[in-house]
């Protein structure tokens, strides 16, 4: 199966979920090539962006698990072509 490049955006609105989010990111760390976190304490939100380079089934496994965490929203965007070397 071919790898795909993409960006995963995570919005955390429940501070109690932060540890679970970080544990899941650590568990799947082999699929990420970059990570940026932006806490917005004054609004009670945190944003995480992840650049991913992996097979679709692995990415879907990650985002599916992430989306089941309470207070977490996940969106993914991929490059149009899957033949980037």
N, C-alpha and C. Protein backbone atom coordinates (compact mmCIF):
# COMPACT_ATOMS: atom_id res chain seq x y z
N UNK A 1 0.84 -1.18 0.00
CA UNK A 1 0.00 0.00 0.00
C UNK A 1 0.89 1.25 0.00
N UNK A 2 0.51 2.25 -0.78
CA UNK A 2 1.30 3.46 -0.90
C UNK A 2 1.06 4.42 0.25
N UNK A 3 2.11 5.18 0.54
CA UNK A 3 2.01 6.21 1.58
C UNK A 3 1.36 7.46 1.00
N UNK A 4 0.71 8.22 1.89
CA UNK A 4 0.11 9.50 1.51
C UNK A 4 0.66 10.59 2.42
N UNK A 5 0.76 11.79 1.88
CA UNK A 5 1.14 12.97 2.65
C UNK A 5 -0.10 13.75 2.99
N UNK A 6 -0.17 14.26 4.20
CA UNK A 6 -1.33 15.03 4.58
C UNK A 6 -1.10 15.82 5.84
N UNK A 7 -2.16 16.50 6.25
CA UNK A 7 -2.16 17.32 7.45
C UNK A 7 -3.37 16.94 8.29
N UNK A 8 -3.13 16.70 9.58
CA UNK A 8 -4.21 16.39 10.51
C UNK A 8 -4.32 17.56 11.47
N UNK A 9 -5.53 18.11 11.59
CA UNK A 9 -5.79 19.20 12.52
C UNK A 9 -6.64 18.66 13.67
N UNK A 10 -6.21 18.94 14.89
CA UNK A 10 -6.90 18.47 16.09
C UNK A 10 -7.25 19.68 16.94
N UNK A 11 -8.52 19.78 17.36
CA UNK A 11 -8.97 20.82 18.27
C UNK A 11 -9.43 20.14 19.55
N UNK A 12 -8.85 20.57 20.66
CA UNK A 12 -9.20 19.99 21.96
C UNK A 12 -9.95 21.04 22.77
N UNK A 13 -11.19 20.73 23.12
CA UNK A 13 -12.00 21.67 23.90
C UNK A 13 -12.22 21.20 25.33
N UNK A 14 -11.78 19.99 25.65
CA UNK A 14 -11.90 19.45 27.00
C UNK A 14 -10.49 19.17 27.54
N UNK A 15 -10.04 20.01 28.45
CA UNK A 15 -8.69 19.91 28.99
C UNK A 15 -8.40 18.53 29.59
N UNK A 16 -9.43 17.86 30.06
CA UNK A 16 -9.28 16.53 30.65
C UNK A 16 -8.82 15.49 29.61
N UNK A 17 -8.98 15.80 28.34
CA UNK A 17 -8.63 14.87 27.26
C UNK A 17 -7.19 15.00 26.77
N UNK A 18 -6.48 16.00 27.23
CA UNK A 18 -5.13 16.27 26.71
C UNK A 18 -4.19 15.08 26.88
N UNK A 19 -4.20 14.44 28.03
CA UNK A 19 -3.31 13.30 28.26
C UNK A 19 -3.60 12.16 27.29
N UNK A 20 -4.88 11.86 27.07
CA UNK A 20 -5.24 10.79 26.13
C UNK A 20 -4.80 11.13 24.71
N UNK A 21 -4.95 12.40 24.33
CA UNK A 21 -4.53 12.85 23.01
C UNK A 21 -3.02 12.65 22.85
N UNK A 22 -2.25 13.10 23.83
CA UNK A 22 -0.79 12.97 23.74
C UNK A 22 -0.34 11.51 23.76
N UNK A 23 -1.02 10.67 24.52
CA UNK A 23 -0.69 9.24 24.52
C UNK A 23 -0.91 8.62 23.14
N UNK A 24 -2.01 8.99 22.50
CA UNK A 24 -2.31 8.44 21.17
C UNK A 24 -1.31 8.95 20.13
N UNK A 25 -0.94 10.22 20.22
CA UNK A 25 0.06 10.76 19.30
C UNK A 25 1.39 10.02 19.50
N UNK A 26 1.76 9.76 20.72
CA UNK A 26 3.00 9.02 20.99
C UNK A 26 2.94 7.60 20.43
N UNK A 27 1.78 6.97 20.57
CA UNK A 27 1.61 5.60 20.08
C UNK A 27 1.79 5.52 18.57
N UNK A 28 1.38 6.55 17.84
CA UNK A 28 1.45 6.58 16.39
C UNK A 28 2.59 7.47 15.88
N UNK A 29 3.55 7.77 16.72
CA UNK A 29 4.58 8.76 16.38
C UNK A 29 5.36 8.45 15.11
N UNK A 30 5.40 7.19 14.71
CA UNK A 30 6.15 6.82 13.50
C UNK A 30 5.54 7.35 12.21
N UNK A 31 4.29 7.81 12.23
CA UNK A 31 3.65 8.30 11.00
C UNK A 31 3.77 9.82 10.84
N UNK A 32 4.27 10.51 11.86
CA UNK A 32 4.32 11.97 11.81
C UNK A 32 5.71 12.47 11.46
N UNK A 33 5.75 13.51 10.62
CA UNK A 33 7.03 14.13 10.30
C UNK A 33 7.15 15.53 10.89
N UNK A 34 6.05 16.08 11.42
CA UNK A 34 6.08 17.37 12.09
C UNK A 34 4.86 17.52 12.99
N UNK A 35 5.05 18.28 14.07
CA UNK A 35 3.96 18.52 15.02
C UNK A 35 4.07 19.95 15.53
N UNK A 36 2.90 20.62 15.63
CA UNK A 36 2.85 21.96 16.19
C UNK A 36 1.66 22.02 17.13
N UNK A 37 1.89 22.50 18.34
CA UNK A 37 0.80 22.65 19.30
C UNK A 37 0.64 24.10 19.70
N UNK A 38 -0.61 24.54 19.76
CA UNK A 38 -0.90 25.92 20.15
C UNK A 38 -1.96 25.90 21.24
N UNK A 39 -1.56 26.13 22.50
CA UNK A 39 -2.55 26.21 23.57
C UNK A 39 -3.18 27.61 23.60
N UNK A 40 -4.46 27.67 23.76
CA UNK A 40 -5.17 28.95 23.90
C UNK A 40 -5.95 28.90 25.21
N UNK A 41 -5.21 29.01 26.30
CA UNK A 41 -5.79 28.86 27.63
C UNK A 41 -6.94 29.83 27.89
N UNK A 42 -6.82 31.05 27.37
CA UNK A 42 -7.85 32.06 27.61
C UNK A 42 -9.20 31.69 26.96
N UNK A 43 -9.17 30.81 25.97
CA UNK A 43 -10.40 30.35 25.32
C UNK A 43 -10.75 28.91 25.66
N UNK A 44 -9.90 28.26 26.43
CA UNK A 44 -10.16 26.88 26.82
C UNK A 44 -10.00 25.89 25.67
N UNK A 45 -9.13 26.22 24.72
CA UNK A 45 -8.90 25.36 23.56
C UNK A 45 -7.41 25.11 23.36
N UNK A 46 -7.12 24.02 22.69
CA UNK A 46 -5.76 23.74 22.23
C UNK A 46 -5.85 23.22 20.80
N UNK A 47 -4.87 23.61 19.99
CA UNK A 47 -4.80 23.17 18.61
C UNK A 47 -3.51 22.40 18.40
N UNK A 48 -3.61 21.29 17.67
CA UNK A 48 -2.43 20.53 17.29
C UNK A 48 -2.52 20.27 15.79
N UNK A 49 -1.43 20.55 15.08
CA UNK A 49 -1.36 20.19 13.67
C UNK A 49 -0.25 19.17 13.50
N UNK A 50 -0.54 18.14 12.71
CA UNK A 50 0.40 17.05 12.48
C UNK A 50 0.57 16.84 10.99
N UNK A 51 1.80 16.84 10.51
CA UNK A 51 2.08 16.48 9.12
C UNK A 51 2.35 14.99 9.12
N UNK A 52 1.65 14.28 8.24
CA UNK A 52 1.68 12.83 8.25
C UNK A 52 2.20 12.29 6.92
N UNK A 53 2.92 11.18 6.99
CA UNK A 53 3.42 10.48 5.81
C UNK A 53 3.30 8.99 6.12
N UNK A 54 2.19 8.39 5.67
CA UNK A 54 1.91 7.00 6.06
C UNK A 54 0.88 6.39 5.13
N UNK A 55 0.68 5.10 5.31
CA UNK A 55 -0.37 4.40 4.57
C UNK A 55 -1.73 4.82 5.11
N UNK A 56 -2.71 4.84 4.21
CA UNK A 56 -4.05 5.33 4.56
C UNK A 56 -4.67 4.56 5.73
N UNK A 57 -4.48 3.24 5.77
CA UNK A 57 -5.11 2.48 6.86
C UNK A 57 -4.53 2.88 8.21
N UNK A 58 -3.26 3.23 8.25
CA UNK A 58 -2.62 3.66 9.51
C UNK A 58 -3.12 5.05 9.90
N UNK A 59 -3.23 5.95 8.94
CA UNK A 59 -3.75 7.29 9.21
C UNK A 59 -5.20 7.21 9.69
N UNK A 60 -6.01 6.41 9.01
CA UNK A 60 -7.41 6.26 9.40
C UNK A 60 -7.55 5.65 10.78
N UNK A 61 -6.67 4.73 11.12
CA UNK A 61 -6.69 4.12 12.45
C UNK A 61 -6.43 5.19 13.50
N UNK A 62 -5.43 6.04 13.26
CA UNK A 62 -5.11 7.12 14.19
C UNK A 62 -6.28 8.10 14.34
N UNK A 63 -6.79 8.61 13.21
CA UNK A 63 -7.84 9.63 13.29
C UNK A 63 -9.14 9.05 13.86
N UNK A 64 -9.42 7.80 13.57
CA UNK A 64 -10.61 7.17 14.15
C UNK A 64 -10.53 7.09 15.65
N UNK A 65 -9.38 6.66 16.16
CA UNK A 65 -9.18 6.61 17.61
C UNK A 65 -9.21 8.00 18.23
N UNK A 66 -8.60 8.96 17.57
CA UNK A 66 -8.58 10.33 18.08
C UNK A 66 -9.99 10.91 18.14
N UNK A 67 -10.78 10.66 17.11
CA UNK A 67 -12.13 11.20 17.04
C UNK A 67 -13.08 10.63 18.09
N UNK A 68 -12.71 9.51 18.69
CA UNK A 68 -13.54 8.92 19.75
C UNK A 68 -13.24 9.49 21.14
N UNK A 69 -12.25 10.36 21.24
CA UNK A 69 -11.93 10.97 22.53
C UNK A 69 -12.87 12.14 22.76
N UNK A 70 -13.47 12.18 23.93
CA UNK A 70 -14.42 13.24 24.27
C UNK A 70 -13.74 14.61 24.23
N UNK A 71 -14.42 15.59 23.64
CA UNK A 71 -13.89 16.95 23.59
C UNK A 71 -12.81 17.16 22.55
N UNK A 72 -12.72 16.25 21.57
CA UNK A 72 -11.69 16.35 20.53
C UNK A 72 -12.34 16.30 19.15
N UNK A 73 -11.93 17.22 18.28
CA UNK A 73 -12.38 17.21 16.88
C UNK A 73 -11.15 17.01 16.00
N UNK A 74 -11.32 16.23 14.93
CA UNK A 74 -10.21 15.91 14.04
C UNK A 74 -10.63 16.10 12.59
N UNK A 75 -9.77 16.74 11.81
CA UNK A 75 -9.97 16.89 10.37
C UNK A 75 -8.66 16.57 9.67
N UNK A 76 -8.77 15.97 8.49
CA UNK A 76 -7.59 15.57 7.74
C UNK A 76 -7.69 16.06 6.30
N UNK A 77 -6.57 16.49 5.76
CA UNK A 77 -6.50 16.87 4.35
C UNK A 77 -5.26 16.20 3.76
N UNK A 78 -5.39 15.70 2.53
CA UNK A 78 -4.30 14.99 1.87
C UNK A 78 -3.90 15.71 0.59
N UNK A 79 -2.66 15.45 0.16
CA UNK A 79 -2.24 15.94 -1.14
C UNK A 79 -3.08 15.24 -2.20
N UNK A 80 -3.25 15.87 -3.34
CA UNK A 80 -4.08 15.30 -4.40
C UNK A 80 -3.45 14.07 -5.03
N UNK A 81 -2.14 14.05 -5.07
CA UNK A 81 -1.44 12.92 -5.69
C UNK A 81 -0.83 12.05 -4.60
N UNK A 82 -0.86 10.74 -4.82
CA UNK A 82 -0.27 9.83 -3.85
C UNK A 82 1.09 9.31 -4.31
N UNK A 83 1.68 9.94 -5.32
CA UNK A 83 2.96 9.44 -5.83
C UNK A 83 4.12 10.36 -5.51
N UNK A 84 4.07 11.04 -4.35
CA UNK A 84 5.19 11.87 -3.91
C UNK A 84 6.28 10.99 -3.36
N UNK A 85 7.49 11.24 -3.75
CA UNK A 85 8.61 10.41 -3.28
C UNK A 85 9.27 11.05 -2.12
